[in-house]
Amino acid sequence: MQTRLIYGGNQTQRRDYCNDYVKNILNIPNISNTDFILLNKQDGKKNISINQIRLLINKLKLKPVNQKFKIAIIENAQDLSTEAQNALLKVIEEPPEYAQIFLTVDYIENLLPTIKSRCIIVNLSNANDEIDEEVKNLLSFTIGEKIDWLTQNKQNAKDLEWVLKILNNMELIIRHELLTNDDLNNVEKKKYVNFISKIHEFKNDIAITNVNTYLGLERLLVLFDRIR
């Protein structure tokens, strides 16, 4: 999947997520206007129209000029008309290999199920939650201690609400580290941002598949131990 659906939090947090992903994961520190498309509802209009989406699709057909990727961000995608969403679906299903598409919404329920099922879903709803001390301690454990902790919580790992709480707290801790630790070099920052991306992929798997949450948590804990 090359389309990310970002919901929850506030508009600034959703914009920051898109900017962080482009800068740290796609490794584009300064994207040119030629390779960047920002789409919003036009002034005085009720919806983002199908004509706007058709124009977007035509622009995405043109290869990037100055970067490896062409970036398209549709802000407030809940404003897409039904016809516009159906038109957008075609490019989400078969995007050009260089296209990276971001949809930001306040509530995920405002989009068609067919759109949601084809996106990597990123939930920022817990961006202001307090960090759970147990999870903070967990990430400081050795890999053996992490696995022992997970084994002790094997039954809890079947509870999706518990798993999502752990994932949300892990993300909060990593984001805090990225924002406050000035000693991190660019390679370390990229590893942390990539780890956050893996958390989002796992959340997405939980939402749309019958994923083994125990094994998923185990893989994340092993991965985190490797990037420390």
C-alpha atoms as a PDB file:
ATOM      1  CA  MET A   1       0.000   0.000   0.000  1.00  0.00           C
ATOM      2  CA  GLN A   2       1.227   3.493  -0.882  1.00  0.00           C
ATOM      3  CA  THR A   3      -1.637   5.493   0.629  1.00  0.00           C
ATOM      4  CA  ARG A   4      -1.771   6.452   4.274  1.00  0.00           C
ATOM      5  CA  LEU A   5      -4.995   7.478   6.008  1.00  0.00           C
ATOM      6  CA  ILE A   6      -4.252   9.641   9.031  1.00  0.00           C
ATOM      7  CA  TYR A   7      -7.049  10.385  11.478  1.00  0.00           C
ATOM      8  CA  GLY A   8      -7.528  11.587  15.027  1.00  0.00           C
ATOM      9  CA  GLY A   9      -5.501  14.233  16.810  1.00  0.00           C
ATOM     10  CA  ASN A  10      -5.803  17.755  15.430  1.00  0.00           C
ATOM     11  CA  GLN A  11      -5.006  19.178  12.026  1.00  0.00           C
ATOM     12  CA  THR A  12      -1.532  20.315  13.085  1.00  0.00           C
ATOM     13  CA  GLN A  13      -0.656  16.833  14.349  1.00  0.00           C
ATOM     14  CA  ARG A  14      -1.864  15.268  11.121  1.00  0.00           C
ATOM     15  CA  ARG A  15       0.204  17.709   9.072  1.00  0.00           C
ATOM     16  CA  ASP A  16       3.241  17.053  11.258  1.00  0.00           C
ATOM     17  CA  TYR A  17       2.879  13.314  10.710  1.00  0.00           C
ATOM     18  CA  CYS A  18       2.856  13.770   6.924  1.00  0.00           C
ATOM     19  CA  ASN A  19       5.854  16.106   7.048  1.00  0.00           C
ATOM     20  CA  ASP A  20       7.817  13.769   9.338  1.00  0.00           C
ATOM     21  CA  TYR A  21       7.097  10.778   7.109  1.00  0.00           C
ATOM     22  CA  VAL A  22       8.166  12.591   3.942  1.00  0.00           C
ATOM     23  CA  LYS A  23      11.326  13.936   5.563  1.00  0.00           C
ATOM     24  CA  ASN A  24      12.498  10.903   7.543  1.00  0.00           C
ATOM     25  CA  ILE A  25      11.055   7.827   5.833  1.00  0.00           C
ATOM     26  CA  LEU A  26      11.040   8.959   2.214  1.00  0.00           C
ATOM     27  CA  ASN A  27      14.250  10.897   2.886  1.00  0.00           C
ATOM     28  CA  ILE A  28      13.063  14.116   1.236  1.00  0.00           C
ATOM     29  CA  PRO A  29      14.241  17.033   3.415  1.00  0.00           C
ATOM     30  CA  ASN A  30      12.889  19.708   1.054  1.00  0.00           C
ATOM     31  CA  ILE A  31      10.306  18.714  -1.517  1.00  0.00           C
ATOM     32  CA  SER A  32       9.886  20.942  -4.554  1.00  0.00           C
ATOM     33  CA  ASN A  33       6.524  22.427  -5.498  1.00  0.00           C
ATOM     34  CA  THR A  34       6.762  20.515  -8.768  1.00  0.00           C
ATOM     35  CA  ASP A  35       6.615  17.163  -6.973  1.00  0.00           C
ATOM     36  CA  PHE A  36       4.153  18.138  -4.231  1.00  0.00           C
ATOM     37  CA  ILE A  37       0.356  18.316  -4.489  1.00  0.00           C
ATOM     38  CA  LEU A  38      -1.813  19.650  -1.656  1.00  0.00           C
ATOM     39  CA  LEU A  39      -5.544  19.269  -2.121  1.00  0.00           C
ATOM     40  CA  ASN A  40      -8.254  20.965  -0.077  1.00  0.00           C
ATOM     41  CA  LYS A  41     -11.856  21.964  -0.495  1.00  0.00           C
ATOM     42  CA  GLN A  42     -12.073  25.083  -2.637  1.00  0.00           C
ATOM     43  CA  ASP A  43     -13.370  28.271  -1.021  1.00  0.00           C
ATOM     44  CA  GLY A  44     -17.136  28.454  -1.045  1.00  0.00           C
ATOM     45  CA  LYS A  45     -17.541  24.819  -2.082  1.00  0.00           C
ATOM     46  CA  LYS A  46     -19.318  22.153  -0.052  1.00  0.00           C
ATOM     47  CA  ASN A  47     -17.078  19.250  -1.104  1.00  0.00           C
ATOM     48  CA  ILE A  48     -13.796  18.314  -2.704  1.00  0.00           C
ATOM     49  CA  SER A  49     -15.117  17.640  -6.181  1.00  0.00           C
ATOM     50  CA  ILE A  50     -14.593  14.806  -8.617  1.00  0.00           C
ATOM     51  CA  ASN A  51     -12.998  17.320 -11.006  1.00  0.00           C
ATOM     52  CA  GLN A  52     -10.343  18.127  -8.403  1.00  0.00           C
ATOM     53  CA  ILE A  53      -9.591  14.408  -8.048  1.00  0.00           C
ATOM     54  CA  ARG A  54      -9.400  13.966 -11.823  1.00  0.00           C
ATOM     55  CA  LEU A  55      -6.878  16.812 -11.945  1.00  0.00           C
ATOM     56  CA  LEU A  56      -4.937  15.168  -9.116  1.00  0.00           C
ATOM     57  CA  ILE A  57      -4.860  11.847 -10.978  1.00  0.00           C
ATOM     58  CA  ASN A  58      -3.557  13.565 -14.110  1.00  0.00           C
ATOM     59  CA  LYS A  59      -0.792  15.251 -12.120  1.00  0.00           C
ATOM     60  CA  LEU A  60       0.180  11.929 -10.523  1.00  0.00           C
ATOM     61  CA  LYS A  61       0.584  10.408 -13.962  1.00  0.00           C
ATOM     62  CA  LEU A  62       3.537  12.750 -14.516  1.00  0.00           C
ATOM     63  CA  LYS A  63       6.783  11.420 -13.068  1.00  0.00           C
ATOM     64  CA  PRO A  64       8.543  13.463 -10.372  1.00  0.00           C
ATOM     65  CA  VAL A  65      11.017  16.036 -11.639  1.00  0.00           C
ATOM     66  CA  ASN A  66      13.352  16.700  -8.721  1.00  0.00           C
ATOM     67  CA  GLN A  67      12.656  13.870  -6.267  1.00  0.00           C
ATOM     68  CA  LYS A  68      12.306  10.107  -6.190  1.00  0.00           C
ATOM     69  CA  PHE A  69       8.648  10.426  -5.170  1.00  0.00           C
ATOM     70  CA  LYS A  70       5.659  12.565  -6.013  1.00  0.00           C
ATOM     71  CA  ILE A  71       3.742  13.457  -2.848  1.00  0.00           C
ATOM     72  CA  ALA A  72      -0.007  14.101  -2.728  1.00  0.00           C
ATOM     73  CA  ILE A  73      -1.741  15.187   0.470  1.00  0.00           C
ATOM     74  CA  ILE A  74      -5.523  15.479   0.611  1.00  0.00           C
ATOM     75  CA  GLU A  75      -6.342  17.417   3.767  1.00  0.00           C
ATOM     76  CA  ASN A  76      -9.777  17.030   5.343  1.00  0.00           C
ATOM     77  CA  ALA A  77     -10.530  14.119   3.062  1.00  0.00           C
ATOM     78  CA  GLN A  78     -13.895  13.789   4.799  1.00  0.00           C
ATOM     79  CA  ASP A  79     -14.904  16.625   2.460  1.00  0.00           C
ATOM     80  CA  LEU A  80     -14.513  14.370  -0.600  1.00  0.00           C
ATOM     81  CA  SER A  81     -17.818  13.861  -2.363  1.00  0.00           C
ATOM     82  CA  THR A  82     -18.900  10.258  -2.870  1.00  0.00           C
ATOM     83  CA  GLU A  83     -18.131  10.585  -6.583  1.00  0.00           C
ATOM     84  CA  ALA A  84     -14.679  11.984  -5.762  1.00  0.00           C
ATOM     85  CA  GLN A  85     -13.967   9.101  -3.388  1.00  0.00           C
ATOM     86  CA  ASN A  86     -14.927   6.563  -6.026  1.00  0.00           C
ATOM     87  CA  ALA A  87     -12.657   8.292  -8.554  1.00  0.00           C
ATOM     88  CA  LEU A  88      -9.813   8.400  -6.019  1.00  0.00           C
ATOM     89  CA  LEU A  89     -10.224   4.691  -5.383  1.00  0.00           C
ATOM     90  CA  LYS A  90      -8.834   3.882  -8.830  1.00  0.00           C
ATOM     91  CA  VAL A  91      -5.486   5.555  -8.165  1.00  0.00           C
ATOM     92  CA  ILE A  92      -5.296   4.161  -4.620  1.00  0.00           C
ATOM     93  CA  GLU A  93      -5.748   0.644  -5.968  1.00  0.00           C
ATOM     94  CA  GLU A  94      -3.104   1.032  -8.693  1.00  0.00           C
ATOM     95  CA  PRO A  95      -0.901   4.042  -7.910  1.00  0.00           C
ATOM     96  CA  PRO A  96       2.209   4.887  -9.917  1.00  0.00           C
ATOM     97  CA  GLU A  97       5.227   3.349  -8.187  1.00  0.00           C
ATOM     98  CA  TYR A  98       6.613   6.808  -7.389  1.00  0.00           C
ATOM     99  CA  ALA A  99       3.368   8.149  -5.864  1.00  0.00           C
ATOM    100  CA  GLN A 100       2.932   8.563  -2.114  1.00  0.00           C
ATOM    101  CA  ILE A 101      -0.579   9.618  -1.105  1.00  0.00           C
ATOM    102  CA  PHE A 102      -1.746  10.891   2.282  1.00  0.00           C
ATOM    103  CA  LEU A 103      -5.368  11.406   3.339  1.00  0.00           C
ATOM    104  CA  THR A 104      -6.036  13.279   6.566  1.00  0.00           C
ATOM    105  CA  VAL A 105      -9.435  13.193   8.276  1.00  0.00           C
ATOM    106  CA  ASP A 106     -10.853  14.067  11.660  1.00  0.00           C
ATOM    107  CA  TYR A 107     -12.930  10.867  11.892  1.00  0.00           C
ATOM    108  CA  ILE A 108     -12.223   7.721   9.891  1.00  0.00           C
ATOM    109  CA  GLU A 109     -15.945   6.923   9.694  1.00  0.00           C
ATOM    110  CA  ASN A 110     -16.340   9.802   7.238  1.00  0.00           C
ATOM    111  CA  LEU A 111     -14.775   7.807   4.383  1.00  0.00           C
ATOM    112  CA  LEU A 112     -16.122   4.933   2.307  1.00  0.00           C
ATOM    113  CA  PRO A 113     -15.147   1.423   3.501  1.00  0.00           C
ATOM    114  CA  THR A 114     -13.555   0.751   0.105  1.00  0.00           C
ATOM    115  CA  ILE A 115     -11.164   3.668   0.643  1.00  0.00           C
ATOM    116  CA  LYS A 116     -10.284   2.653   4.199  1.00  0.00           C
ATOM    117  CA  SER A 117      -9.594  -0.968   3.277  1.00  0.00           C
ATOM    118  CA  ARG A 118      -6.923   0.075   0.774  1.00  0.00           C
ATOM    119  CA  CYS A 119      -4.979   2.416   3.040  1.00  0.00           C
ATOM    120  CA  ILE A 120      -2.464   2.053   5.819  1.00  0.00           C
ATOM    121  CA  ILE A 121      -4.408   3.506   8.729  1.00  0.00           C
ATOM    122  CA  VAL A 122      -2.631   5.805  11.191  1.00  0.00           C
ATOM    123  CA  ASN A 123      -4.477   6.714  14.396  1.00  0.00           C
ATOM    124  CA  LEU A 124      -3.292   9.870  16.164  1.00  0.00           C
ATOM    125  CA  SER A 125      -6.204   9.919  18.609  1.00  0.00           C
ATOM    126  CA  ASN A 126      -3.973   9.131  21.582  1.00  0.00           C
ATOM    127  CA  ALA A 127      -1.302  11.704  20.802  1.00  0.00           C
ATOM    128  CA  ASN A 128      -1.929  13.547  24.063  1.00  0.00           C
ATOM    129  CA  ASP A 129      -2.309  10.542  26.363  1.00  0.00           C
ATOM    130  CA  GLU A 130       0.036  10.069  29.299  1.00  0.00           C
ATOM    131  CA  ILE A 131       2.725   7.454  28.834  1.00  0.00           C
ATOM    132  CA  ASP A 132       2.236   4.207  30.727  1.00  0.00           C
ATOM    133  CA  GLU A 133       5.240   3.612  33.007  1.00  0.00           C
ATOM    134  CA  GLU A 134       5.053  -0.153  32.426  1.00  0.00           C
ATOM    135  CA  VAL A 135       5.587   0.312  28.694  1.00  0.00           C
ATOM    136  CA  LYS A 136       8.366   2.837  29.332  1.00  0.00           C
ATOM    137  CA  ASN A 137      10.140   0.267  31.499  1.00  0.00           C
ATOM    138  CA  LEU A 138       9.475  -2.458  28.935  1.00  0.00           C
ATOM    139  CA  LEU A 139      11.429  -0.640  26.232  1.00  0.00           C
ATOM    140  CA  SER A 140      14.433  -0.330  28.561  1.00  0.00           C
ATOM    141  CA  PHE A 141      14.553  -4.104  29.163  1.00  0.00           C
ATOM    142  CA  THR A 142      17.031  -6.456  27.521  1.00  0.00           C
ATOM    143  CA  ILE A 143      15.592  -8.571  24.718  1.00  0.00           C
ATOM    144  CA  GLY A 144      15.362 -11.554  27.078  1.00  0.00           C
ATOM    145  CA  GLU A 145      13.443  -9.493  29.631  1.00  0.00           C
ATOM    146  CA  LYS A 146      11.131  -8.196  26.896  1.00  0.00           C
ATOM    147  CA  ILE A 147      10.269 -11.725  25.778  1.00  0.00           C
ATOM    148  CA  ASP A 148       9.753 -12.831  29.405  1.00  0.00           C
ATOM    149  CA  TRP A 149       7.376  -9.889  29.909  1.00  0.00           C
ATOM    150  CA  LEU A 150       5.461 -10.799  26.773  1.00  0.00           C
ATOM    151  CA  THR A 151       5.218 -14.450  27.827  1.00  0.00           C
ATOM    152  CA  GLN A 152       3.773 -13.359  31.173  1.00  0.00           C
ATOM    153  CA  ASN A 153       1.201 -11.272  29.278  1.00  0.00           C
ATOM    154  CA  LYS A 154       0.341 -13.891  26.671  1.00  0.00           C
ATOM    155  CA  GLN A 155      -3.311 -13.882  27.693  1.00  0.00           C
ATOM    156  CA  ASN A 156      -3.470 -10.078  27.618  1.00  0.00           C
ATOM    157  CA  ALA A 157      -2.051 -10.153  24.089  1.00  0.00           C
ATOM    158  CA  LYS A 158      -5.354 -11.649  22.938  1.00  0.00           C
ATOM    159  CA  ASP A 159      -7.166  -8.492  24.070  1.00  0.00           C
ATOM    160  CA  LEU A 160      -7.096  -6.013  21.160  1.00  0.00           C
ATOM    161  CA  GLU A 161      -7.779  -3.030  23.422  1.00  0.00           C
ATOM    162  CA  TRP A 162      -4.779  -3.954  25.602  1.00  0.00           C
ATOM    163  CA  VAL A 163      -2.555  -4.458  22.551  1.00  0.00           C
ATOM    164  CA  LEU A 164      -3.548  -1.098  21.055  1.00  0.00           C
ATOM    165  CA  LYS A 165      -2.817   0.611  24.367  1.00  0.00           C
ATOM    166  CA  ILE A 166       0.685  -0.895  24.355  1.00  0.00           C
ATOM    167  CA  LEU A 167       1.243   0.183  20.744  1.00  0.00           C
ATOM    168  CA  ASN A 168      -0.015   3.719  21.371  1.00  0.00           C
ATOM    169  CA  ASN A 169       2.307   4.095  24.346  1.00  0.00           C
ATOM    170  CA  MET A 170       5.270   2.722  22.423  1.00  0.00           C
ATOM    171  CA  GLU A 171       4.628   5.316  19.734  1.00  0.00           C
ATOM    172  CA  LEU A 172       4.353   8.132  22.291  1.00  0.00           C
ATOM    173  CA  ILE A 173       7.691   7.150  23.834  1.00  0.00           C
ATOM    174  CA  ILE A 174       9.483   7.031  20.486  1.00  0.00           C
ATOM    175  CA  ARG A 175       7.984  10.343  19.353  1.00  0.00           C
ATOM    176  CA  HIS A 176       9.052  11.966  22.628  1.00  0.00           C
ATOM    177  CA  GLU A 177      12.571  10.637  22.116  1.00  0.00           C
ATOM    178  CA  LEU A 178      12.670  12.068  18.593  1.00  0.00           C
ATOM    179  CA  LEU A 179      11.507  15.478  19.791  1.00  0.00           C
ATOM    180  CA  THR A 180      13.679  15.809  22.894  1.00  0.00           C
ATOM    181  CA  ASN A 181      16.891  13.866  22.292  1.00  0.00           C
ATOM    182  CA  ASP A 182      19.247  16.218  20.451  1.00  0.00           C
ATOM    183  CA  ASP A 183      22.003  13.577  20.465  1.00  0.00           C
ATOM    184  CA  LEU A 184      20.230  11.370  17.927  1.00  0.00           C
ATOM    185  CA  ASN A 185      21.947  11.358  14.537  1.00  0.00           C
ATOM    186  CA  ASN A 186      20.063  11.164  11.238  1.00  0.00           C
ATOM    187  CA  VAL A 187      20.489   7.383  10.957  1.00  0.00           C
ATOM    188  CA  GLU A 188      19.087   6.855  14.459  1.00  0.00           C
ATOM    189  CA  LYS A 189      16.194   9.216  13.768  1.00  0.00           C
ATOM    190  CA  LYS A 190      15.328   7.337  10.594  1.00  0.00           C
ATOM    191  CA  LYS A 191      15.343   4.017  12.488  1.00  0.00           C
ATOM    192  CA  TYR A 192      12.964   5.431  15.084  1.00  0.00           C
ATOM    193  CA  VAL A 193      10.608   6.857  12.472  1.00  0.00           C
ATOM    194  CA  ASN A 194      10.688   3.541  10.622  1.00  0.00           C
ATOM    195  CA  PHE A 195       9.777   1.791  13.884  1.00  0.00           C
ATOM    196  CA  ILE A 196       6.764   4.098  14.245  1.00  0.00           C
ATOM    197  CA  SER A 197       5.787   3.137  10.709  1.00  0.00           C
ATOM    198  CA  LYS A 198       5.966  -0.546  11.709  1.00  0.00           C
ATOM    199  CA  ILE A 199       3.651   0.188  14.652  1.00  0.00           C
ATOM    200  CA  HIS A 200       1.158   1.772  12.250  1.00  0.00           C
ATOM    201  CA  GLU A 201       1.368  -1.210   9.894  1.00  0.00           C
ATOM    202  CA  PHE A 202       0.670  -3.555  12.810  1.00  0.00           C
ATOM    203  CA  LYS A 203      -2.334  -1.432  13.856  1.00  0.00           C
ATOM    204  CA  ASN A 204      -3.589  -1.602  10.304  1.00  0.00           C
ATOM    205  CA  ASP A 205      -3.213  -5.404  10.269  1.00  0.00           C
ATOM    206  CA  ILE A 206      -5.185  -5.574  13.503  1.00  0.00           C
ATOM    207  CA  ALA A 207      -7.963  -3.484  11.963  1.00  0.00           C
ATOM    208  CA  ILE A 208      -8.407  -5.455   8.733  1.00  0.00           C
ATOM    209  CA  THR A 209      -7.008  -8.975   9.310  1.00  0.00           C
ATOM    210  CA  ASN A 210      -7.075 -11.745  11.877  1.00  0.00           C
ATOM    211  CA  VAL A 211      -3.440 -11.133  12.806  1.00  0.00           C
ATOM    212  CA  ASN A 212      -1.667 -13.031  15.619  1.00  0.00           C
ATOM    213  CA  THR A 213      -1.195 -10.134  18.054  1.00  0.00           C
ATOM    214  CA  TYR A 214       1.233 -12.047  20.291  1.00  0.00           C
ATOM    215  CA  LEU A 215       3.630 -12.726  17.411  1.00  0.00           C
ATOM    216  CA  GLY A 216       3.166  -9.179  16.139  1.00  0.00           C
ATOM    217  CA  LEU A 217       4.194  -7.717  19.493  1.00  0.00           C
ATOM    218  CA  GLU A 218       7.129 -10.103  19.679  1.00  0.00           C
ATOM    219  CA  ARG A 219       8.390  -8.957  16.269  1.00  0.00           C
ATOM    220  CA  LEU A 220       8.108  -5.301  17.294  1.00  0.00           C
ATOM    221  CA  LEU A 221       9.999  -5.854  20.543  1.00  0.00           C
ATOM    222  CA  VAL A 222      12.788  -7.689  18.738  1.00  0.00           C
ATOM    223  CA  LEU A 223      12.955  -4.929  16.118  1.00  0.00           C
ATOM    224  CA  PHE A 224      13.132  -2.220  18.787  1.00  0.00           C
ATOM    225  CA  ASP A 225      15.982  -4.035  20.520  1.00  0.00           C
ATOM    226  CA  ARG A 226      17.928  -4.019  17.254  1.00  0.00           C
ATOM    227  CA  ILE A 227      17.614  -0.279  16.669  1.00  0.00           C
ATOM    228  CA  ARG A 228      18.662   0.799  20.152  1.00  0.00           C
END
